[in-house]
């Protein structure tokens, strides 16, 4: 499914990095989110999914068993103005679908 994500990003003129970029470590979810939204210009939902699937934070990856766990983590680690509850819920549902593919 990550290949489909990359293709979708390419179709929207967002360059996909090679696999070595997927393991980039950020100091926090907020730093990752800011990079993907501000620099790469991903949507809020796509940025959350990419950050939670493909990156680590302070050397630690995340692996949520449920969308609710993801939502709690994201809500606690992003500034309130960055994502609505609906956007977080959508992104976390997508994370659950994609995480084991």
C-alpha atoms as a PDB file:
ATOM      1  CA  UNK A   1       0.000   0.000   0.000  1.00  0.00           C
ATOM      2  CA  UNK A   2       2.957   2.355   0.530  1.00  0.00           C
ATOM      3  CA  UNK A   3       3.638   2.086  -3.197  1.00  0.00           C
ATOM      4  CA  UNK A   4       0.115   3.367  -3.834  1.00  0.00           C
ATOM      5  CA  UNK A   5       0.749   6.248  -1.438  1.00  0.00           C
ATOM      6  CA  UNK A   6       3.915   7.126  -3.280  1.00  0.00           C
ATOM      7  CA  UNK A   7       2.113   7.002  -6.617  1.00  0.00           C
ATOM      8  CA  UNK A   8      -0.657   9.195  -5.266  1.00  0.00           C
ATOM      9  CA  UNK A   9       1.901  11.691  -4.038  1.00  0.00           C
ATOM     10  CA  UNK A  10       3.674  11.668  -7.403  1.00  0.00           C
ATOM     11  CA  UNK A  11       0.402  12.318  -9.180  1.00  0.00           C
ATOM     12  CA  UNK A  12      -0.140  15.385  -7.041  1.00  0.00           C
ATOM     13  CA  UNK A  13       3.354  16.685  -7.905  1.00  0.00           C
ATOM     14  CA  UNK A  14       4.843  15.714  -4.571  1.00  0.00           C
ATOM     15  CA  UNK A  15       8.145  13.980  -4.972  1.00  0.00           C
ATOM     16  CA  UNK A  16       8.525  10.614  -3.310  1.00  0.00           C
ATOM     17  CA  UNK A  17      11.852   9.940  -1.713  1.00  0.00           C
ATOM     18  CA  UNK A  18      13.650   6.667  -1.893  1.00  0.00           C
ATOM     19  CA  UNK A  19      13.242   4.092   0.859  1.00  0.00           C
ATOM     20  CA  UNK A  20      16.114   5.542   2.879  1.00  0.00           C
ATOM     21  CA  UNK A  21      14.081   8.726   3.442  1.00  0.00           C
ATOM     22  CA  UNK A  22      11.238   6.744   5.011  1.00  0.00           C
ATOM     23  CA  UNK A  23      13.288   6.008   8.108  1.00  0.00           C
ATOM     24  CA  UNK A  24      14.062   9.621   8.967  1.00  0.00           C
ATOM     25  CA  UNK A  25      14.011  10.317  12.677  1.00  0.00           C
ATOM     26  CA  UNK A  26      12.333  13.502  13.884  1.00  0.00           C
ATOM     27  CA  UNK A  27      12.563  14.929  17.403  1.00  0.00           C
ATOM     28  CA  UNK A  28       8.751  14.847  17.652  1.00  0.00           C
ATOM     29  CA  UNK A  29       5.538  14.165  15.770  1.00  0.00           C
ATOM     30  CA  UNK A  30       5.088  17.938  15.542  1.00  0.00           C
ATOM     31  CA  UNK A  31       8.442  18.363  13.757  1.00  0.00           C
ATOM     32  CA  UNK A  32       7.595  15.572  11.329  1.00  0.00           C
ATOM     33  CA  UNK A  33       4.120  16.976  10.705  1.00  0.00           C
ATOM     34  CA  UNK A  34       5.445  20.492  10.144  1.00  0.00           C
ATOM     35  CA  UNK A  35       8.023  19.221   7.640  1.00  0.00           C
ATOM     36  CA  UNK A  36       5.482  17.227   5.648  1.00  0.00           C
ATOM     37  CA  UNK A  37       2.807  19.932   5.650  1.00  0.00           C
ATOM     38  CA  UNK A  38       4.951  23.047   5.247  1.00  0.00           C
ATOM     39  CA  UNK A  39       7.827  21.767   3.107  1.00  0.00           C
ATOM     40  CA  UNK A  40       6.277  18.888   1.167  1.00  0.00           C
ATOM     41  CA  UNK A  41       2.802  20.439   1.213  1.00  0.00           C
ATOM     42  CA  UNK A  42       0.953  17.239   2.082  1.00  0.00           C
ATOM     43  CA  UNK A  43      -2.564  17.458   3.420  1.00  0.00           C
ATOM     44  CA  UNK A  44      -3.002  17.259   7.173  1.00  0.00           C
ATOM     45  CA  UNK A  45      -4.321  13.698   6.917  1.00  0.00           C
ATOM     46  CA  UNK A  46      -1.513  12.485   4.614  1.00  0.00           C
ATOM     47  CA  UNK A  47       1.133  14.086   6.811  1.00  0.00           C
ATOM     48  CA  UNK A  48      -0.183  12.315   9.909  1.00  0.00           C
ATOM     49  CA  UNK A  49      -0.287   8.965   8.097  1.00  0.00           C
ATOM     50  CA  UNK A  50       3.222   9.358   6.648  1.00  0.00           C
ATOM     51  CA  UNK A  51       4.665  10.445   9.982  1.00  0.00           C
ATOM     52  CA  UNK A  52       3.092   7.612  11.954  1.00  0.00           C
ATOM     53  CA  UNK A  53       3.844   4.925   9.357  1.00  0.00           C
ATOM     54  CA  UNK A  54       7.265   5.870   8.070  1.00  0.00           C
ATOM     55  CA  UNK A  55       9.142   7.877  10.683  1.00  0.00           C
ATOM     56  CA  UNK A  56      10.442   7.636  14.213  1.00  0.00           C
ATOM     57  CA  UNK A  57      10.343  10.301  16.899  1.00  0.00           C
ATOM     58  CA  UNK A  58      13.374  10.642  19.115  1.00  0.00           C
ATOM     59  CA  UNK A  59      14.503   7.212  17.926  1.00  0.00           C
ATOM     60  CA  UNK A  60      11.219   5.519  18.790  1.00  0.00           C
ATOM     61  CA  UNK A  61       8.622   4.353  16.298  1.00  0.00           C
ATOM     62  CA  UNK A  62       4.921   4.048  16.933  1.00  0.00           C
ATOM     63  CA  UNK A  63       2.712   1.014  16.413  1.00  0.00           C
ATOM     64  CA  UNK A  64      -0.901   1.574  17.353  1.00  0.00           C
ATOM     65  CA  UNK A  65      -3.253  -1.390  17.711  1.00  0.00           C
ATOM     66  CA  UNK A  66      -6.356   0.751  17.280  1.00  0.00           C
ATOM     67  CA  UNK A  67      -7.383   4.003  15.664  1.00  0.00           C
ATOM     68  CA  UNK A  68      -8.303   5.301  19.127  1.00  0.00           C
ATOM     69  CA  UNK A  69      -4.703   4.812  20.343  1.00  0.00           C
ATOM     70  CA  UNK A  70      -3.460   6.687  17.281  1.00  0.00           C
ATOM     71  CA  UNK A  71      -5.966   9.500  17.813  1.00  0.00           C
ATOM     72  CA  UNK A  72      -4.914   9.929  21.442  1.00  0.00           C
ATOM     73  CA  UNK A  73      -1.223  10.080  20.512  1.00  0.00           C
ATOM     74  CA  UNK A  74      -1.708  12.478  17.605  1.00  0.00           C
ATOM     75  CA  UNK A  75      -4.032  14.794  19.525  1.00  0.00           C
ATOM     76  CA  UNK A  76      -1.564  14.950  22.420  1.00  0.00           C
ATOM     77  CA  UNK A  77       1.457  15.566  20.180  1.00  0.00           C
ATOM     78  CA  UNK A  78       0.203  18.125  17.656  1.00  0.00           C
ATOM     79  CA  UNK A  79      -0.723  21.711  18.338  1.00  0.00           C
ATOM     80  CA  UNK A  80      -4.507  22.068  18.543  1.00  0.00           C
ATOM     81  CA  UNK A  81      -4.653  24.447  15.561  1.00  0.00           C
ATOM     82  CA  UNK A  82      -2.838  22.026  13.260  1.00  0.00           C
ATOM     83  CA  UNK A  83      -5.524  19.356  12.893  1.00  0.00           C
ATOM     84  CA  UNK A  84      -9.201  19.039  13.650  1.00  0.00           C
ATOM     85  CA  UNK A  85     -10.616  16.049  15.473  1.00  0.00           C
ATOM     86  CA  UNK A  86     -12.172  14.888  12.196  1.00  0.00           C
ATOM     87  CA  UNK A  87      -8.826  15.110  10.375  1.00  0.00           C
ATOM     88  CA  UNK A  88      -7.088  13.137  13.109  1.00  0.00           C
ATOM     89  CA  UNK A  89      -9.812  10.483  13.077  1.00  0.00           C
ATOM     90  CA  UNK A  90      -9.595  10.155   9.285  1.00  0.00           C
ATOM     91  CA  UNK A  91      -5.802   9.909   9.338  1.00  0.00           C
ATOM     92  CA  UNK A  92      -5.770   7.340  12.132  1.00  0.00           C
ATOM     93  CA  UNK A  93      -8.370   5.193  10.383  1.00  0.00           C
ATOM     94  CA  UNK A  94      -6.151   5.289   7.286  1.00  0.00           C
ATOM     95  CA  UNK A  95      -3.106   4.453   9.424  1.00  0.00           C
ATOM     96  CA  UNK A  96      -4.843   1.299  10.713  1.00  0.00           C
ATOM     97  CA  UNK A  97      -5.731   0.210   7.170  1.00  0.00           C
ATOM     98  CA  UNK A  98      -2.181   0.751   5.891  1.00  0.00           C
ATOM     99  CA  UNK A  99       0.019  -0.261   8.813  1.00  0.00           C
ATOM    100  CA  UNK A 100       0.117  -4.003   8.127  1.00  0.00           C
ATOM    101  CA  UNK A 101       0.193  -3.832   4.357  1.00  0.00           C
END
